[in-house]
Amino acid sequence: MNNPTQRKPHLDSLAIGLLLTCCLFWGWQQVLVKATLPLIPPVMQVALRFSFATLIVMLWCRWRGIELFGKDDTLQAGIWVGVLFALEFICLYVGMLYTSASRLTVFLYTAPFVVALLLPRFVASEALKPVQWIGLACAFAAVVFAMSGNFGSANQTWLGDGLALAAGAFWGLTTVVIRATKLVGIRAEKLLFYQLSISSLLLLPASLLMGEHWIASFENMNAFAWGSLAIQTTIGAFLSYLAWMWMLGRYPATQLASFTFLTPVFALIVGAWWLDEPITASLVAALVLVGTGIVLVNRK
């Protein structure tokens, strides 16, 4: 995966096509998850998704002859990314109970700013330049602007926004652990296996501790619920993540990261079309500020 001879200096048509497909899917998937919440409780939904995806990854690696359990001194870091991955998705899925999928996605994509702030403490070459500080300021302004007026409201949108910010922080911390440890040099499949398997072990008991009723939920699941779960598992938790990690090993990370701004844009459009979520001026302004910040933070 990380063979230097395979790396390319610029995004080619394959990378751009994969990026657009992934961002479109990720934006649409957030709305799909919210539409499925009345049928499958949030943590149960992500626990099932990651448990099934873990099995798929194991079968894929067995078919491809990829070693998952060899000793390479990455187990401790792998456990950490699995824990952070679980916390991210608990916040993400529970947050959808209180806010719209489009708002949640905007706040989730503050993750690159967490990376920009923390990674220089572990990787000296990642020190922030003045233009990147401007990007961080844009992100902070976006959060303040989008959340203004929500505190004290009766609909608890502020709680969903806060959980989405926490999810973004955990996502950013996951990236920092990967880039600051030996995990940065392992195969994409093994890295994905760490995240899915460890988080599955934590999410299953977490769902039960939160009082989610599995038996009743299984009895109420219809064709839409099963279809949603299948899509989230096979495309969301396996194919799209594997494609993203594959691209990280072959193309410039800064150029890839700038494309992630398209995900909240797609989530905004799909949420308005499918769930009639409102597109407010403050949300659009926050989206523009977050997108500008992502581009500036990822400039060399």
Protein backbone atom coordinates (compact mmCIF):
# COMPACT_ATOMS: atom_id res chain seq x y z
CA MET A 1 0.00 0.00 0.00
CA ASN A 2 2.72 2.47 0.96
CA ASN A 3 5.31 1.63 -1.69
CA PRO A 4 6.74 5.04 -2.70
CA THR A 5 6.97 3.99 -6.34
CA GLN A 6 3.19 3.70 -6.42
CA ARG A 7 2.51 7.21 -5.12
CA LYS A 8 1.37 9.85 -7.59
CA PRO A 9 1.98 13.61 -7.30
CA HIS A 10 -1.51 14.59 -8.46
CA LEU A 11 -5.03 13.23 -8.55
CA ASP A 12 -5.81 11.41 -11.78
CA SER A 13 -9.19 10.64 -13.30
CA LEU A 14 -9.50 7.42 -11.29
CA ALA A 15 -8.91 9.21 -8.00
CA ILE A 16 -11.31 12.05 -8.85
CA GLY A 17 -14.01 9.57 -9.86
CA LEU A 18 -13.57 7.54 -6.67
CA LEU A 19 -13.57 10.70 -4.52
CA LEU A 20 -16.74 12.07 -6.06
CA THR A 21 -18.46 8.69 -5.67
CA CYS A 22 -17.36 8.34 -2.03
CA CYS A 23 -18.35 11.89 -1.07
CA LEU A 24 -21.74 11.54 -2.75
CA PHE A 25 -22.34 8.25 -0.99
CA TRP A 26 -21.19 9.51 2.42
CA GLY A 27 -23.48 12.53 2.17
CA TRP A 28 -26.41 10.33 1.11
CA GLN A 29 -25.60 7.74 3.79
CA GLN A 30 -26.02 10.26 6.61
CA VAL A 31 -29.57 10.88 5.45
CA LEU A 32 -30.16 7.14 5.06
CA VAL A 33 -29.05 6.53 8.66
CA LYS A 34 -31.45 9.18 9.96
CA ALA A 35 -34.32 7.74 7.89
CA THR A 36 -33.61 4.32 9.45
CA LEU A 37 -33.62 5.52 13.09
CA PRO A 38 -37.38 4.99 13.60
CA LEU A 39 -36.81 1.30 12.78
CA ILE A 40 -33.39 0.54 14.31
CA PRO A 41 -32.07 2.36 17.43
CA PRO A 42 -28.88 4.37 16.77
CA VAL A 43 -26.18 2.38 18.57
CA MET A 44 -27.74 -0.96 17.62
CA GLN A 45 -27.72 0.22 14.01
CA VAL A 46 -24.00 1.02 13.97
CA ALA A 47 -23.13 -2.07 16.07
CA LEU A 48 -24.79 -4.36 13.52
CA ARG A 49 -23.22 -2.44 10.66
CA PHE A 50 -19.68 -2.79 11.98
CA SER A 51 -20.11 -6.39 13.16
CA PHE A 52 -21.20 -7.54 9.71
CA ALA A 53 -18.51 -5.40 8.07
CA THR A 54 -15.84 -7.03 10.27
CA LEU A 55 -16.83 -10.44 8.91
CA ILE A 56 -16.69 -9.12 5.34
CA VAL A 57 -13.18 -7.71 5.88
CA MET A 58 -12.01 -11.03 7.34
CA LEU A 59 -13.41 -12.96 4.37
CA TRP A 60 -11.88 -10.46 1.94
CA CYS A 61 -8.45 -10.76 3.57
CA ARG A 62 -8.64 -14.54 3.61
CA TRP A 63 -9.48 -14.56 -0.10
CA ARG A 64 -6.67 -12.10 -0.87
CA GLY A 65 -4.13 -13.82 1.39
CA ILE A 66 -3.71 -10.73 3.59
CA GLU A 67 -2.29 -11.33 7.08
CA LEU A 68 -4.38 -9.73 9.83
CA PHE A 69 -2.89 -11.20 12.99
CA GLY A 70 0.86 -11.03 12.39
CA LYS A 71 3.04 -9.32 15.01
CA ASP A 72 4.00 -5.83 13.85
CA ASP A 73 3.81 -3.81 17.10
CA THR A 74 0.58 -2.09 16.06
CA LEU A 75 -1.89 -3.80 18.40
CA GLN A 76 -1.91 -1.10 21.10
CA ALA A 77 -2.38 1.71 18.58
CA GLY A 78 -4.97 -0.43 16.78
CA ILE A 79 -6.99 -0.76 19.98
CA TRP A 80 -6.87 2.99 20.48
CA VAL A 81 -8.19 3.74 16.98
CA GLY A 82 -10.94 1.15 17.51
CA VAL A 83 -12.03 2.83 20.75
CA LEU A 84 -12.00 6.28 19.16
CA PHE A 85 -13.89 4.92 16.13
CA ALA A 86 -16.61 3.53 18.42
CA LEU A 87 -16.94 6.82 20.32
CA GLU A 88 -17.16 8.75 17.06
CA PHE A 89 -20.06 6.70 15.77
CA ILE A 90 -21.93 6.60 19.09
CA CYS A 91 -21.90 10.42 19.05
CA LEU A 92 -22.74 10.51 15.36
CA TYR A 93 -25.73 8.16 15.40
CA VAL A 94 -27.20 9.38 18.70
CA GLY A 95 -26.74 12.96 17.53
CA MET A 96 -29.07 12.28 14.60
CA LEU A 97 -31.92 11.91 17.09
CA TYR A 98 -31.66 15.61 17.87
CA THR A 99 -30.56 17.38 14.70
CA SER A 100 -30.84 17.13 10.94
CA ALA A 101 -28.49 14.96 8.90
CA SER A 102 -27.27 18.01 6.96
CA ARG A 103 -26.42 20.02 10.09
CA LEU A 104 -24.76 17.01 11.68
CA THR A 105 -22.55 16.43 8.64
CA VAL A 106 -21.35 20.04 8.60
CA PHE A 107 -20.24 19.77 12.23
CA LEU A 108 -18.73 16.31 11.70
CA TYR A 109 -16.42 17.70 9.05
CA THR A 110 -14.62 19.87 11.57
CA ALA A 111 -12.41 16.77 12.03
CA PRO A 112 -9.58 18.07 9.75
CA PHE A 113 -9.15 21.03 12.10
CA VAL A 114 -8.63 18.74 15.08
CA VAL A 115 -5.92 16.97 13.07
CA ALA A 116 -4.33 20.28 12.11
CA LEU A 117 -4.17 21.41 15.74
CA LEU A 118 -2.90 18.19 17.31
CA LEU A 119 -0.74 16.42 14.70
CA PRO A 120 2.15 18.94 14.85
CA ARG A 121 2.70 17.87 18.47
CA PHE A 122 3.66 14.40 17.21
CA VAL A 123 4.89 15.03 13.65
CA ALA A 124 7.18 18.07 13.44
CA SER A 125 6.78 18.43 9.67
CA GLU A 126 3.05 19.10 10.14
CA ALA A 127 3.58 22.49 11.88
CA LEU A 128 0.86 24.99 11.00
CA LYS A 129 1.53 27.84 8.59
CA PRO A 130 -0.25 31.24 8.81
CA VAL A 131 -2.73 30.33 6.07
CA GLN A 132 -3.71 27.20 8.01
CA TRP A 133 -4.44 29.27 11.11
CA ILE A 134 -6.80 31.31 8.94
CA GLY A 135 -8.49 28.04 7.96
CA LEU A 136 -8.90 27.11 11.63
CA ALA A 137 -10.42 30.53 12.29
CA CYS A 138 -12.92 29.92 9.47
CA ALA A 139 -13.93 26.61 11.04
CA PHE A 140 -14.37 28.18 14.48
CA ALA A 141 -16.47 30.97 12.99
CA ALA A 142 -18.61 28.39 11.16
CA VAL A 143 -19.36 26.52 14.38
CA VAL A 144 -20.24 29.69 16.30
CA PHE A 145 -22.36 30.97 13.43
CA ALA A 146 -24.27 27.71 12.93
CA MET A 147 -24.95 27.09 16.62
CA SER A 148 -25.92 30.66 17.52
CA GLY A 149 -29.49 30.86 18.68
CA ASN A 150 -29.87 27.13 19.30
CA PHE A 151 -28.98 27.17 23.00
CA GLY A 152 -32.12 27.51 25.05
CA SER A 153 -34.34 26.26 22.23
CA ALA A 154 -36.89 23.59 23.00
CA ASN A 155 -35.99 21.19 20.19
CA GLN A 156 -32.54 20.22 21.57
CA THR A 157 -30.84 20.88 18.23
CA TRP A 158 -27.88 22.16 20.23
CA LEU A 159 -27.45 18.67 21.74
CA GLY A 160 -27.27 17.06 18.29
CA ASP A 161 -24.83 19.74 17.14
CA GLY A 162 -22.66 19.15 20.20
CA LEU A 163 -22.60 15.39 19.64
CA ALA A 164 -21.68 15.97 15.99
CA LEU A 165 -18.77 18.17 17.08
CA ALA A 166 -17.68 15.45 19.50
CA ALA A 167 -17.87 12.90 16.66
CA GLY A 168 -15.66 15.15 14.54
CA ALA A 169 -13.17 15.44 17.41
CA PHE A 170 -13.00 11.65 17.80
CA TRP A 171 -12.56 11.27 14.04
CA GLY A 172 -9.72 13.77 14.12
CA LEU A 173 -8.09 11.99 17.07
CA THR A 174 -8.32 8.70 15.17
CA THR A 175 -6.45 10.27 12.25
CA VAL A 176 -3.80 11.66 14.59
CA VAL A 177 -3.19 8.24 16.18
CA ILE A 178 -2.90 6.63 12.75
CA ARG A 179 -0.46 9.20 11.38
CA ALA A 180 1.65 9.41 14.53
CA THR A 181 2.15 5.64 15.02
CA LYS A 182 3.18 2.56 13.05
CA LEU A 183 -0.40 2.25 11.82
CA VAL A 184 0.49 4.66 9.04
CA GLY A 185 2.57 1.93 7.41
CA ILE A 186 0.21 -1.06 7.53
CA ARG A 187 -2.17 -2.27 4.85
CA ALA A 188 -5.52 -0.53 4.50
CA GLU A 189 -7.35 -3.81 5.18
CA LYS A 190 -5.65 -4.37 8.54
CA LEU A 191 -6.23 -0.76 9.60
CA LEU A 192 -9.90 -1.08 8.70
CA PHE A 193 -10.07 -4.38 10.58
CA TYR A 194 -8.73 -2.74 13.74
CA GLN A 195 -11.35 -0.01 13.58
CA LEU A 196 -14.31 -2.25 12.78
CA SER A 197 -13.53 -5.20 15.06
CA ILE A 198 -12.57 -3.25 18.20
CA SER A 199 -15.50 -0.85 17.84
CA SER A 200 -17.91 -3.76 17.32
CA LEU A 201 -16.82 -5.29 20.62
CA LEU A 202 -17.58 -2.00 22.36
CA LEU A 203 -20.75 -1.02 20.53
CA LEU A 204 -22.69 -4.21 21.25
CA PRO A 205 -22.61 -3.85 25.07
CA ALA A 206 -22.94 -0.05 24.77
CA SER A 207 -26.24 -0.50 22.95
CA LEU A 208 -27.58 -2.76 25.69
CA LEU A 209 -26.37 -0.43 28.46
CA MET A 210 -28.21 2.43 26.76
CA GLY A 211 -31.44 0.45 27.02
CA GLU A 212 -31.94 -0.31 23.35
CA HIS A 213 -34.29 -3.26 22.86
CA TRP A 214 -32.81 -5.63 20.30
CA ILE A 215 -35.57 -8.25 20.22
CA ALA A 216 -38.33 -5.70 19.72
CA SER A 217 -36.26 -3.89 17.10
CA PHE A 218 -35.64 -7.08 15.11
CA GLU A 219 -39.37 -7.80 15.17
CA ASN A 220 -40.11 -4.33 13.75
CA MET A 221 -37.48 -4.37 11.00
CA ASN A 222 -38.91 -4.31 7.49
CA ALA A 223 -37.37 -4.55 4.02
CA PHE A 224 -36.24 -0.91 4.11
CA ALA A 225 -34.43 -1.42 7.43
CA TRP A 226 -32.62 -4.54 6.23
CA GLY A 227 -31.75 -2.86 2.93
CA SER A 228 -30.41 0.20 4.73
CA LEU A 229 -28.28 -1.97 6.99
CA ALA A 230 -26.94 -3.94 4.01
CA ILE A 231 -25.96 -0.73 2.16
CA GLN A 232 -24.35 0.83 5.25
CA THR A 233 -22.38 -2.37 5.82
CA THR A 234 -21.17 -3.41 2.37
CA ILE A 235 -20.72 -0.03 0.71
CA GLY A 236 -20.39 2.32 3.69
CA ALA A 237 -18.29 0.38 6.20
CA PHE A 238 -16.34 -1.75 3.72
CA LEU A 239 -15.99 -0.58 0.13
CA SER A 240 -15.97 3.19 0.65
CA TYR A 241 -13.58 3.08 3.63
CA LEU A 242 -11.28 0.66 1.83
CA ALA A 243 -11.27 2.90 -1.26
CA TRP A 244 -10.46 5.95 0.88
CA MET A 245 -7.55 4.22 2.63
CA TRP A 246 -6.30 2.89 -0.70
CA MET A 247 -6.25 6.43 -2.09
CA LEU A 248 -4.43 7.76 1.00
CA GLY A 249 -1.61 5.35 0.19
CA ARG A 250 -1.26 6.49 -3.42
CA TYR A 251 -2.25 10.17 -3.72
CA PRO A 252 -1.40 13.41 -1.88
CA ALA A 253 -3.39 13.56 1.36
CA THR A 254 -3.83 17.33 1.10
CA GLN A 255 -5.57 17.10 -2.26
CA LEU A 256 -7.75 14.23 -1.06
CA ALA A 257 -8.76 16.06 2.12
CA SER A 258 -9.93 19.13 0.19
CA PHE A 259 -12.47 16.98 -1.64
CA THR A 260 -14.13 15.95 1.64
CA PHE A 261 -15.90 19.31 1.67
CA LEU A 262 -18.25 17.88 -0.95
CA THR A 263 -19.73 15.41 1.56
CA PRO A 264 -21.64 17.98 3.67
CA VAL A 265 -22.74 19.67 0.44
CA PHE A 266 -24.27 16.41 -0.80
CA ALA A 267 -25.79 15.74 2.65
CA LEU A 268 -27.43 19.18 2.57
CA ILE A 269 -28.95 18.56 -0.86
CA VAL A 270 -30.12 14.99 -0.16
CA GLY A 271 -31.49 15.91 3.29
CA ALA A 272 -33.60 18.69 1.79
CA TRP A 273 -34.83 16.46 -1.03
CA TRP A 274 -35.55 13.29 0.96
CA LEU A 275 -36.40 14.41 4.50
CA ASP A 276 -37.48 18.01 3.79
CA GLU A 277 -34.73 19.30 6.07
CA PRO A 278 -34.57 23.11 6.02
CA ILE A 279 -31.73 24.87 4.22
CA THR A 280 -31.18 28.02 6.27
CA ALA A 281 -28.90 30.94 5.52
CA SER A 282 -26.84 30.25 8.66
CA LEU A 283 -26.34 26.63 7.66
CA VAL A 284 -25.22 27.56 4.14
CA ALA A 285 -22.86 30.19 5.55
CA ALA A 286 -21.42 27.63 8.00
CA LEU A 287 -20.99 25.17 5.13
CA VAL A 288 -19.06 27.73 3.08
CA LEU A 289 -16.84 28.62 6.06
CA VAL A 290 -16.11 24.96 6.83
CA GLY A 291 -15.29 24.27 3.19
CA THR A 292 -12.99 27.30 2.99
CA GLY A 293 -11.31 26.20 6.20
CA ILE A 294 -10.73 22.65 4.92
CA VAL A 295 -9.07 23.98 1.76
CA LEU A 296 -6.83 26.41 3.69
CA VAL A 297 -5.87 23.92 6.41
CA ASN A 298 -4.80 21.37 3.82
CA ARG A 299 -2.64 23.76 1.80
CA LYS A 300 1.06 22.94 1.89
